[in-house]
Structure formats: C-alpha cells, structure tokens
Amino acid sequence: MNIVAILGRLTKNPEIRYVANNKMALTRFTVAVDRGMSKAQRQEAEAKGQPTADFISCVAFGKTAEMISTYFKKGDQIALEGRIQTGSYQDKSGNKRYTTDVVVDRFSFISNNNQGSGSGATPKYQRVGNNINPADIASQRNTPKDNYERTDYNPYQNNEMINNDIIDDDIPF
C-alpha cells in the first residue's frame, strides 16, 4: 500500500503549468516537514549542522494543482495525502537523474492564525467533501476527493490564468 500523509509548510510559492496541449494543470512544490525533535535534540542537531526538517518534493495535477497554486503561498501550512512516485530522466548534459515525489491526491488548509497574510484579511474557505483524517487514511482511500472553494475570491475575475508552454521532454515521467 503506497499512502503518504504529511504536514508542513511550503518552501516557496507554487507555480502552475499546463501540459498535454494546455489541458491539464500541473504544479510542483516543496513542503518542509519538521522532524518532531525535542528542544534539546533540535539544539544539538543545529549545533552539529544537521537538518531538523525534511524537504519533500510534491506534484499535483488537475483541479488539485489549480487549487494549491491559487490558495497557497510560501510559508503556508498544508496537510496532504498522496502516494510516492519515483522516476528518472536524462538532463541536458545526458546524465541520468532520479526523482522521488509525493503525488498529491488530497489536501487540507491548515489555519495560519498567528501569521499575517499581508492583505489584512483572512481568506474564507468552504470545504465540500471529506477532510483528511490521519487516523483513517487507509480506510478513506476510495472516497471522493476533497473539493474546496474560497468564498471571497474569484480566480477568474481578471482572467489571470497562467498559460506556460511546456515541452513533454521537460517532464521527468
């Protein structure tokens, strides 16, 4: 069974691209996941120059990609469920590169009450569907995907859809 659930913060703003003749949204992003160390363990690791977090590469497709790229920014917390996918490709120099990504199936917004968004207002979200419950992820594997709507924002209002051309050779899978 290939199921992954992580909770962390985005390391940069997710960027959306459209592939397959501009018909499928794709966004890649990285989530920093704290290793859950005690204060003493964290201080010891930092003193030795050892990492205290893992940086997990993630990829989302379709509506999930559009939602993540629209409503999340660097530093936002996200809970997500997906699966591990490995792959390989040849870079421009002809070297074989290996990849490991979490392919996002579902995600949840996590409150960032202690952080200002810079806009002065907290966005309002309405959840439709089942929320991620880490206790029963395996039993929910065949349930419908979560759907979210931001009730105070229309992303198509100013026709700001990003349309980047991508060559199929750029995709490592």
N, C-alpha and C. Protein backbone atom coordinates (compact mmCIF):
# COMPACT_ATOMS: atom_id res chain seq x y z
N MET A 1 0.85 -1.17 0.00
CA MET A 1 0.00 0.00 0.00
C MET A 1 0.90 1.23 0.00
N ASN A 2 0.70 2.12 -0.93
CA ASN A 2 1.52 3.31 -1.11
C ASN A 2 0.70 4.53 -0.72
N ILE A 3 0.74 4.90 0.56
CA ILE A 3 -0.01 6.04 1.07
C ILE A 3 0.92 6.90 1.91
N VAL A 4 0.90 8.21 1.66
CA VAL A 4 1.74 9.15 2.38
C VAL A 4 0.84 10.27 2.91
N ALA A 5 1.07 10.67 4.15
CA ALA A 5 0.39 11.83 4.72
C ALA A 5 1.45 12.71 5.35
N ILE A 6 1.48 13.99 4.97
CA ILE A 6 2.46 14.91 5.54
C ILE A 6 1.79 16.21 5.94
N LEU A 7 2.44 16.88 6.89
CA LEU A 7 2.00 18.18 7.37
C LEU A 7 3.24 19.05 7.43
N GLY A 8 3.21 20.17 6.75
CA GLY A 8 4.37 21.05 6.75
C GLY A 8 4.05 22.39 6.14
N ARG A 9 5.11 23.13 5.79
CA ARG A 9 4.97 24.46 5.21
C ARG A 9 5.60 24.50 3.82
N LEU A 10 4.98 25.24 2.93
CA LEU A 10 5.52 25.40 1.59
C LEU A 10 6.81 26.22 1.64
N THR A 11 7.83 25.79 0.89
CA THR A 11 9.12 26.48 0.91
C THR A 11 9.17 27.64 -0.08
N LYS A 12 8.26 27.66 -1.05
CA LYS A 12 8.14 28.78 -1.99
C LYS A 12 6.74 28.75 -2.58
N ASN A 13 6.39 29.80 -3.29
CA ASN A 13 5.08 29.86 -3.91
C ASN A 13 4.96 28.78 -4.98
N PRO A 14 3.88 28.01 -4.97
CA PRO A 14 3.70 27.01 -6.03
C PRO A 14 3.41 27.70 -7.36
N GLU A 15 3.93 27.13 -8.43
CA GLU A 15 3.70 27.69 -9.76
C GLU A 15 2.98 26.65 -10.61
N ILE A 16 1.97 27.11 -11.29
CA ILE A 16 1.17 26.20 -12.11
C ILE A 16 1.64 26.25 -13.56
N ARG A 17 1.59 25.10 -14.21
CA ARG A 17 1.86 24.99 -15.64
C ARG A 17 0.75 24.12 -16.23
N TYR A 18 0.56 24.26 -17.52
CA TYR A 18 -0.43 23.43 -18.20
C TYR A 18 0.30 22.55 -19.21
N VAL A 19 0.02 21.25 -19.15
CA VAL A 19 0.67 20.27 -20.02
C VAL A 19 -0.40 19.55 -20.83
N ALA A 20 0.02 18.67 -21.70
CA ALA A 20 -0.91 17.91 -22.57
C ALA A 20 -1.78 18.88 -23.36
N ASN A 21 -1.10 19.69 -24.19
CA ASN A 21 -1.79 20.69 -25.03
C ASN A 21 -2.59 21.68 -24.20
N ASN A 22 -2.03 22.09 -23.07
CA ASN A 22 -2.64 23.09 -22.18
C ASN A 22 -3.97 22.65 -21.60
N LYS A 23 -4.19 21.34 -21.47
CA LYS A 23 -5.46 20.85 -20.95
C LYS A 23 -5.36 20.34 -19.52
N MET A 24 -4.14 20.08 -19.02
CA MET A 24 -4.01 19.54 -17.67
C MET A 24 -3.08 20.43 -16.85
N ALA A 25 -3.58 20.87 -15.69
CA ALA A 25 -2.79 21.68 -14.78
C ALA A 25 -1.80 20.80 -14.03
N LEU A 26 -0.60 21.34 -13.81
CA LEU A 26 0.44 20.65 -13.06
C LEU A 26 1.14 21.69 -12.20
N THR A 27 1.30 21.40 -10.92
CA THR A 27 2.08 22.28 -10.07
C THR A 27 3.03 21.44 -9.22
N ARG A 28 4.25 21.93 -9.12
CA ARG A 28 5.27 21.30 -8.28
C ARG A 28 5.57 22.25 -7.13
N PHE A 29 5.79 21.68 -5.96
CA PHE A 29 6.14 22.48 -4.80
C PHE A 29 6.85 21.60 -3.80
N THR A 30 7.50 22.23 -2.83
CA THR A 30 8.22 21.50 -1.79
C THR A 30 7.64 21.86 -0.44
N VAL A 31 7.46 20.86 0.40
CA VAL A 31 6.93 21.05 1.75
C VAL A 31 8.04 20.73 2.75
N ALA A 32 8.30 21.67 3.65
CA ALA A 32 9.26 21.45 4.73
C ALA A 32 8.50 20.79 5.88
N VAL A 33 8.96 19.60 6.27
CA VAL A 33 8.29 18.83 7.32
C VAL A 33 9.24 18.71 8.50
N ASP A 34 8.82 19.25 9.64
CA ASP A 34 9.62 19.21 10.87
C ASP A 34 9.81 17.76 11.32
N ARG A 35 10.99 17.45 11.80
CA ARG A 35 11.27 16.07 12.23
C ARG A 35 10.73 15.76 13.63
N GLY A 36 10.13 16.71 14.30
CA GLY A 36 9.49 16.44 15.59
C GLY A 36 10.46 16.20 16.73
N MET A 37 11.57 16.91 16.72
CA MET A 37 12.58 16.75 17.77
C MET A 37 12.23 17.56 19.00
N SER A 38 12.73 17.10 20.14
CA SER A 38 12.59 17.90 21.36
C SER A 38 13.49 19.13 21.22
N LYS A 39 13.31 20.09 22.09
CA LYS A 39 14.11 21.32 22.03
C LYS A 39 15.60 20.99 22.15
N ALA A 40 15.94 20.09 23.06
CA ALA A 40 17.35 19.71 23.27
C ALA A 40 17.90 19.01 22.03
N GLN A 41 17.13 18.10 21.45
CA GLN A 41 17.57 17.39 20.24
C GLN A 41 17.75 18.37 19.07
N ARG A 42 16.83 19.32 18.98
CA ARG A 42 16.91 20.32 17.91
C ARG A 42 18.17 21.16 18.06
N GLN A 43 18.43 21.62 19.27
CA GLN A 43 19.62 22.44 19.50
C GLN A 43 20.90 21.66 19.20
N GLU A 44 20.92 20.40 19.60
CA GLU A 44 22.09 19.56 19.34
C GLU A 44 22.29 19.35 17.84
N ALA A 45 21.21 19.07 17.13
CA ALA A 45 21.31 18.87 15.69
C ALA A 45 21.76 20.14 14.99
N GLU A 46 21.20 21.28 15.39
CA GLU A 46 21.59 22.55 14.78
C GLU A 46 23.05 22.87 15.06
N ALA A 47 23.52 22.58 16.27
CA ALA A 47 24.93 22.82 16.63
C ALA A 47 25.87 21.98 15.77
N LYS A 48 25.43 20.78 15.39
CA LYS A 48 26.24 19.89 14.55
C LYS A 48 26.03 20.14 13.06
N GLY A 49 25.17 21.09 12.72
CA GLY A 49 24.88 21.37 11.32
C GLY A 49 24.00 20.33 10.66
N GLN A 50 23.27 19.56 11.47
CA GLN A 50 22.38 18.53 10.94
C GLN A 50 20.99 19.11 10.70
N PRO A 51 20.28 18.59 9.72
CA PRO A 51 18.94 19.11 9.43
C PRO A 51 17.93 18.76 10.52
N THR A 52 16.96 19.65 10.70
CA THR A 52 15.87 19.41 11.65
C THR A 52 14.53 19.27 10.93
N ALA A 53 14.58 19.33 9.61
CA ALA A 53 13.37 19.18 8.80
C ALA A 53 13.73 18.42 7.53
N ASP A 54 12.72 17.81 6.93
CA ASP A 54 12.88 17.16 5.64
C ASP A 54 12.13 17.99 4.60
N PHE A 55 12.66 18.03 3.41
CA PHE A 55 12.06 18.81 2.33
C PHE A 55 11.53 17.83 1.29
N ILE A 56 10.20 17.75 1.23
CA ILE A 56 9.51 16.75 0.43
C ILE A 56 9.01 17.38 -0.88
N SER A 57 9.46 16.83 -2.01
CA SER A 57 9.01 17.30 -3.32
C SER A 57 7.62 16.74 -3.59
N CYS A 58 6.72 17.62 -4.03
CA CYS A 58 5.34 17.22 -4.28
C CYS A 58 4.92 17.68 -5.67
N VAL A 59 3.97 16.97 -6.24
CA VAL A 59 3.39 17.34 -7.52
C VAL A 59 1.88 17.10 -7.45
N ALA A 60 1.13 18.02 -8.03
CA ALA A 60 -0.33 17.88 -8.06
C ALA A 60 -0.80 18.13 -9.49
N PHE A 61 -1.92 17.51 -9.85
CA PHE A 61 -2.46 17.61 -11.19
C PHE A 61 -3.91 18.07 -11.15
N GLY A 62 -4.39 18.60 -12.27
CA GLY A 62 -5.80 18.94 -12.43
C GLY A 62 -6.28 20.02 -11.48
N LYS A 63 -7.50 19.83 -10.98
CA LYS A 63 -8.10 20.80 -10.06
C LYS A 63 -7.29 20.94 -8.78
N THR A 64 -6.70 19.85 -8.32
CA THR A 64 -5.87 19.91 -7.11
C THR A 64 -4.71 20.87 -7.35
N ALA A 65 -4.07 20.79 -8.50
CA ALA A 65 -2.96 21.69 -8.84
C ALA A 65 -3.44 23.14 -8.89
N GLU A 66 -4.59 23.37 -9.49
CA GLU A 66 -5.13 24.72 -9.59
C GLU A 66 -5.44 25.29 -8.21
N MET A 67 -6.03 24.48 -7.35
CA MET A 67 -6.38 24.95 -6.00
C MET A 67 -5.12 25.29 -5.20
N ILE A 68 -4.14 24.42 -5.22
CA ILE A 68 -2.92 24.65 -4.45
C ILE A 68 -2.19 25.89 -4.96
N SER A 69 -2.08 26.04 -6.27
CA SER A 69 -1.36 27.20 -6.81
C SER A 69 -2.11 28.50 -6.58
N THR A 70 -3.42 28.43 -6.47
CA THR A 70 -4.23 29.64 -6.26
C THR A 70 -4.25 30.08 -4.80
N TYR A 71 -4.39 29.14 -3.88
CA TYR A 71 -4.67 29.49 -2.50
C TYR A 71 -3.51 29.33 -1.53
N PHE A 72 -2.38 28.84 -1.97
CA PHE A 72 -1.24 28.67 -1.07
C PHE A 72 -0.07 29.52 -1.53
N LYS A 73 0.73 29.95 -0.55
CA LYS A 73 1.94 30.72 -0.83
C LYS A 73 3.05 30.25 0.11
N LYS A 74 4.24 30.73 -0.13
CA LYS A 74 5.39 30.37 0.68
C LYS A 74 5.07 30.57 2.17
N GLY A 75 5.39 29.57 2.98
CA GLY A 75 5.19 29.65 4.42
C GLY A 75 3.86 29.11 4.91
N ASP A 76 2.88 28.94 4.01
CA ASP A 76 1.57 28.42 4.43
C ASP A 76 1.69 26.95 4.82
N GLN A 77 0.90 26.58 5.83
CA GLN A 77 0.85 25.18 6.24
C GLN A 77 -0.14 24.43 5.36
N ILE A 78 0.21 23.17 5.09
CA ILE A 78 -0.66 22.31 4.29
C ILE A 78 -0.57 20.90 4.84
N ALA A 79 -1.71 20.23 4.88
CA ALA A 79 -1.75 18.79 5.18
C ALA A 79 -2.15 18.13 3.88
N LEU A 80 -1.42 17.10 3.51
CA LEU A 80 -1.75 16.45 2.26
C LEU A 80 -1.61 14.95 2.35
N GLU A 81 -2.33 14.28 1.47
CA GLU A 81 -2.27 12.83 1.34
C GLU A 81 -1.98 12.53 -0.12
N GLY A 82 -1.17 11.51 -0.33
CA GLY A 82 -0.84 11.14 -1.70
C GLY A 82 -0.11 9.82 -1.72
N ARG A 83 0.70 9.67 -2.75
CA ARG A 83 1.48 8.45 -2.90
C ARG A 83 2.87 8.81 -3.37
N ILE A 84 3.84 7.95 -3.06
CA ILE A 84 5.22 8.14 -3.50
C ILE A 84 5.33 7.68 -4.95
N GLN A 85 5.99 8.48 -5.75
CA GLN A 85 6.24 8.09 -7.14
C GLN A 85 7.71 8.35 -7.44
N THR A 86 8.40 7.35 -7.94
CA THR A 86 9.80 7.52 -8.33
C THR A 86 9.88 7.52 -9.84
N GLY A 87 10.93 8.12 -10.35
CA GLY A 87 11.12 8.16 -11.79
C GLY A 87 12.54 8.55 -12.11
N SER A 88 12.84 8.63 -13.37
CA SER A 88 14.15 9.07 -13.81
C SER A 88 14.03 9.75 -15.17
N TYR A 89 15.02 10.56 -15.48
CA TYR A 89 15.08 11.24 -16.76
C TYR A 89 16.53 11.59 -17.05
N GLN A 90 16.81 11.99 -18.27
CA GLN A 90 18.15 12.43 -18.62
C GLN A 90 18.15 13.94 -18.69
N ASP A 91 19.11 14.56 -17.98
CA ASP A 91 19.20 16.01 -18.02
C ASP A 91 19.85 16.45 -19.33
N LYS A 92 20.01 17.76 -19.51
CA LYS A 92 20.52 18.30 -20.76
C LYS A 92 21.95 17.86 -21.05
N SER A 93 22.68 17.48 -19.99
CA SER A 93 24.06 17.01 -20.16
C SER A 93 24.12 15.51 -20.44
N GLY A 94 22.98 14.85 -20.46
CA GLY A 94 22.95 13.42 -20.73
C GLY A 94 23.08 12.55 -19.49
N ASN A 95 23.12 13.17 -18.31
CA ASN A 95 23.22 12.42 -17.06
C ASN A 95 21.84 11.93 -16.64
N LYS A 96 21.78 10.72 -16.12
CA LYS A 96 20.52 10.17 -15.64
C LYS A 96 20.24 10.73 -14.25
N ARG A 97 19.07 11.30 -14.07
CA ARG A 97 18.64 11.87 -12.79
C ARG A 97 17.46 11.07 -12.28
N TYR A 98 17.44 10.87 -10.97
CA TYR A 98 16.35 10.13 -10.33
C TYR A 98 15.50 11.09 -9.52
N THR A 99 14.20 10.84 -9.51
CA THR A 99 13.27 11.70 -8.78
C THR A 99 12.41 10.87 -7.84
N THR A 100 12.03 11.50 -6.74
CA THR A 100 11.05 10.94 -5.81
C THR A 100 10.10 12.07 -5.44
N ASP A 101 8.84 11.89 -5.71
CA ASP A 101 7.83 12.91 -5.44
C ASP A 101 6.65 12.29 -4.71
N VAL A 102 5.93 13.13 -3.98
CA VAL A 102 4.62 12.76 -3.46
C VAL A 102 3.61 13.30 -4.46
N VAL A 103 2.83 12.42 -5.04
CA VAL A 103 1.75 12.82 -5.94
C VAL A 103 0.53 13.07 -5.06
N VAL A 104 0.09 14.33 -5.01
CA VAL A 104 -0.97 14.74 -4.09
C VAL A 104 -2.33 14.30 -4.60
N ASP A 105 -3.04 13.55 -3.75
CA ASP A 105 -4.42 13.16 -4.05
C ASP A 105 -5.41 14.08 -3.35
N ARG A 106 -5.10 14.44 -2.11
CA ARG A 106 -5.99 15.27 -1.29
C ARG A 106 -5.15 16.21 -0.45
N PHE A 107 -5.75 17.34 -0.05
CA PHE A 107 -5.05 18.28 0.82
C PHE A 107 -6.06 19.00 1.70
N SER A 108 -5.54 19.59 2.76
CA SER A 108 -6.38 20.39 3.67
C SER A 108 -5.69 21.70 3.97
N PHE A 109 -6.48 22.73 4.14
CA PHE A 109 -5.97 24.01 4.60
C PHE A 109 -5.72 23.91 6.09
N ILE A 110 -4.61 24.43 6.54
CA ILE A 110 -4.28 24.47 7.96
C ILE A 110 -4.27 25.93 8.37
N SER A 111 -4.89 26.24 9.49
CA SER A 111 -5.01 27.61 9.96
C SER A 111 -3.64 28.23 10.18
N ASN A 112 -3.49 29.46 9.74
CA ASN A 112 -2.27 30.24 9.97
C ASN A 112 -2.63 31.48 10.77
N ASN A 113 -3.35 31.29 11.86
CA ASN A 113 -3.86 32.42 12.63
C ASN A 113 -2.77 33.33 13.16
N ASN A 114 -1.58 32.81 13.42
CA ASN A 114 -0.52 33.63 14.01
C ASN A 114 0.31 34.33 12.95
N GLN A 115 -0.02 34.21 11.69
CA GLN A 115 0.75 34.85 10.64
C GLN A 115 -0.15 35.78 9.85
N GLY A 116 0.39 36.95 9.53
CA GLY A 116 -0.34 37.86 8.68
C GLY A 116 -0.15 37.48 7.23
N SER A 117 -1.17 37.63 6.45
CA SER A 117 -1.06 37.28 5.03
C SER A 117 -0.60 38.47 4.20
N GLY A 118 -0.48 39.63 4.85
CA GLY A 118 -0.07 40.80 4.11
C GLY A 118 -1.25 41.52 3.47
N SER A 119 -2.36 40.88 3.32
CA SER A 119 -3.51 41.51 2.68
C SER A 119 -4.45 42.14 3.70
N GLY A 120 -4.22 41.84 4.98
CA GLY A 120 -5.05 42.42 6.01
C GLY A 120 -6.32 41.65 6.29
N ALA A 121 -6.67 40.72 5.45
CA ALA A 121 -7.88 39.94 5.66
C ALA A 121 -7.56 38.46 5.53
N THR A 122 -8.24 37.68 6.32
CA THR A 122 -8.06 36.23 6.25
C THR A 122 -9.01 35.68 5.20
N PRO A 123 -8.49 34.92 4.22
CA PRO A 123 -9.39 34.36 3.22
C PRO A 123 -10.40 33.41 3.85
N LYS A 124 -11.55 33.32 3.24
CA LYS A 124 -12.61 32.44 3.74
C LYS A 124 -12.72 31.24 2.82
N TYR A 125 -12.72 30.05 3.42
CA TYR A 125 -12.80 28.83 2.64
C TYR A 125 -14.01 28.02 3.07
N GLN A 126 -14.58 27.33 2.13
CA GLN A 126 -15.68 26.43 2.41
C GLN A 126 -15.28 25.06 1.89
N ARG A 127 -15.32 24.04 2.73
CA ARG A 127 -14.92 22.70 2.35
C ARG A 127 -16.14 21.90 1.94
N VAL A 128 -16.00 21.21 0.84
CA VAL A 128 -17.04 20.30 0.37
C VAL A 128 -16.40 18.93 0.26
N GLY A 129 -16.95 17.94 0.90
CA GLY A 129 -16.37 16.60 0.83
C GLY A 129 -15.74 16.18 2.13
N ASN A 130 -14.95 15.12 2.10
CA ASN A 130 -14.32 14.57 3.30
C ASN A 130 -12.99 15.24 3.57
N ASN A 131 -12.71 15.52 4.83
CA ASN A 131 -11.44 16.10 5.24
C ASN A 131 -10.44 14.99 5.53
N ILE A 132 -9.16 15.29 5.47
CA ILE A 132 -8.15 14.28 5.78
C ILE A 132 -8.16 13.99 7.27
N ASN A 133 -8.26 12.73 7.62
CA ASN A 133 -8.15 12.29 9.00
C ASN A 133 -7.02 11.27 9.05
N PRO A 134 -5.83 11.66 9.58
CA PRO A 134 -4.69 10.74 9.56
C PRO A 134 -4.99 9.39 10.19
N ALA A 135 -5.94 9.32 11.11
CA ALA A 135 -6.23 8.06 11.80
C ALA A 135 -6.85 7.02 10.88
N ASP A 136 -7.54 7.49 9.83
CA ASP A 136 -8.18 6.51 8.96
C ASP A 136 -7.93 6.78 7.48
N ILE A 137 -6.72 7.18 7.15
CA ILE A 137 -6.38 7.45 5.76
C ILE A 137 -6.60 6.22 4.90
N ALA A 138 -6.13 5.07 5.38
CA ALA A 138 -6.24 3.85 4.56
C ALA A 138 -7.70 3.50 4.27
N SER A 139 -8.58 3.70 5.24
CA SER A 139 -9.97 3.33 5.02
C SER A 139 -10.68 4.32 4.11
N GLN A 140 -10.14 5.53 3.97
CA GLN A 140 -10.76 6.54 3.11
C GLN A 140 -10.18 6.55 1.71
N ARG A 141 -9.32 5.63 1.39
CA ARG A 141 -8.60 5.64 0.12
C ARG A 141 -9.53 5.68 -1.08
N ASN A 142 -10.69 5.09 -1.00
CA ASN A 142 -11.59 5.03 -2.15
C ASN A 142 -12.73 6.05 -2.06
N THR A 143 -12.62 7.03 -1.18
CA THR A 143 -13.66 8.05 -1.08
C THR A 143 -13.39 9.15 -2.09
N PRO A 144 -14.40 9.96 -2.41
CA PRO A 144 -14.19 11.04 -3.37
C PRO A 144 -13.16 12.04 -2.86
N LYS A 145 -12.53 12.73 -3.79
CA LYS A 145 -11.53 13.74 -3.45
C LYS A 145 -12.20 14.93 -2.78
N ASP A 146 -11.42 15.62 -1.93
CA ASP A 146 -11.92 16.84 -1.30
C ASP A 146 -12.06 17.93 -2.36
N ASN A 147 -13.05 18.77 -2.18
CA ASN A 147 -13.23 19.94 -3.02
C ASN A 147 -13.34 21.15 -2.12
N TYR A 148 -12.64 22.21 -2.47
CA TYR A 148 -12.64 23.42 -1.67
C TYR A 148 -12.99 24.59 -2.56
N GLU A 149 -13.67 25.55 -1.95
CA GLU A 149 -13.96 26.79 -2.64
C GLU A 149 -13.59 27.93 -1.72
N ARG A 150 -12.94 28.93 -2.26
CA ARG A 150 -12.71 30.15 -1.50
C ARG A 150 -13.91 31.03 -1.78
N THR A 151 -14.64 31.39 -0.74
CA THR A 151 -15.92 32.05 -0.94
C THR A 151 -15.81 33.55 -1.15
N ASP A 152 -14.63 34.14 -0.89
CA ASP A 152 -14.49 35.59 -1.03
C ASP A 152 -13.58 35.97 -2.20
N TYR A 153 -13.34 35.05 -3.15
CA TYR A 153 -12.39 35.32 -4.22
C TYR A 153 -12.79 34.57 -5.47
N ASN A 154 -12.72 35.23 -6.60
CA ASN A 154 -12.99 34.59 -7.88
C ASN A 154 -11.70 34.61 -8.69
N PRO A 155 -10.99 33.47 -8.82
CA PRO A 155 -9.71 33.47 -9.52
C PRO A 155 -9.82 33.81 -11.01
N TYR A 156 -11.01 33.73 -11.57
CA TYR A 156 -11.19 34.01 -12.99
C TYR A 156 -11.70 35.43 -13.22
N GLN A 157 -11.81 36.20 -12.16
CA GLN A 157 -12.37 37.53 -12.22
C GLN A 157 -11.61 38.41 -13.22
N ASN A 158 -10.29 38.42 -13.17
CA ASN A 158 -9.49 39.26 -14.06
C ASN A 158 -8.84 38.45 -15.17
N ASN A 159 -9.33 37.23 -15.39
CA ASN A 159 -8.80 36.34 -16.42
C ASN A 159 -7.29 36.19 -16.28
N GLU A 160 -6.84 35.86 -15.06
CA GLU A 160 -5.42 35.78 -14.75
C GLU A 160 -4.89 34.35 -14.81
N MET A 161 -5.48 33.50 -15.64
CA MET A 161 -4.98 32.13 -15.75
C MET A 161 -3.58 32.15 -16.35
N ILE A 162 -2.67 31.43 -15.74
CA ILE A 162 -1.31 31.34 -16.22
C ILE A 162 -1.27 30.27 -17.30
N ASN A 163 -0.64 30.57 -18.40
CA ASN A 163 -0.60 29.63 -19.51
C ASN A 163 0.85 29.50 -19.97
N ASN A 164 1.61 28.60 -19.38
CA ASN A 164 3.00 28.38 -19.74
C ASN A 164 3.10 27.20 -20.69
N ASP A 165 3.88 27.38 -21.74
CA ASP A 165 4.12 26.27 -22.66
C ASP A 165 5.18 25.38 -22.05
N ILE A 166 4.99 24.10 -22.16
CA ILE A 166 5.96 23.14 -21.64
C ILE A 166 6.16 22.05 -22.68
N ILE A 167 7.38 21.64 -22.79
CA ILE A 167 7.72 20.57 -23.72
C ILE A 167 7.64 19.26 -22.96
N ASP A 168 7.06 18.24 -23.58
CA ASP A 168 6.90 16.95 -22.91
C ASP A 168 8.23 16.41 -22.42
N ASP A 169 9.34 16.74 -23.07
CA ASP A 169 10.66 16.27 -22.63
C ASP A 169 11.08 16.89 -21.30
N ASP A 170 10.46 18.02 -20.90
CA ASP A 170 10.78 18.65 -19.62
C ASP A 170 10.18 17.91 -18.44
N ILE A 171 9.20 17.06 -18.68
CA ILE A 171 8.53 16.34 -17.60
C ILE A 171 9.30 15.05 -17.34
N PRO A 172 9.72 14.83 -16.08
CA PRO A 172 10.57 13.67 -15.79
C PRO A 172 9.83 12.36 -15.63
N PHE A 173 8.63 12.22 -16.14
CA PHE A 173 7.91 10.95 -16.04
C PHE A 173 7.11 10.70 -17.27
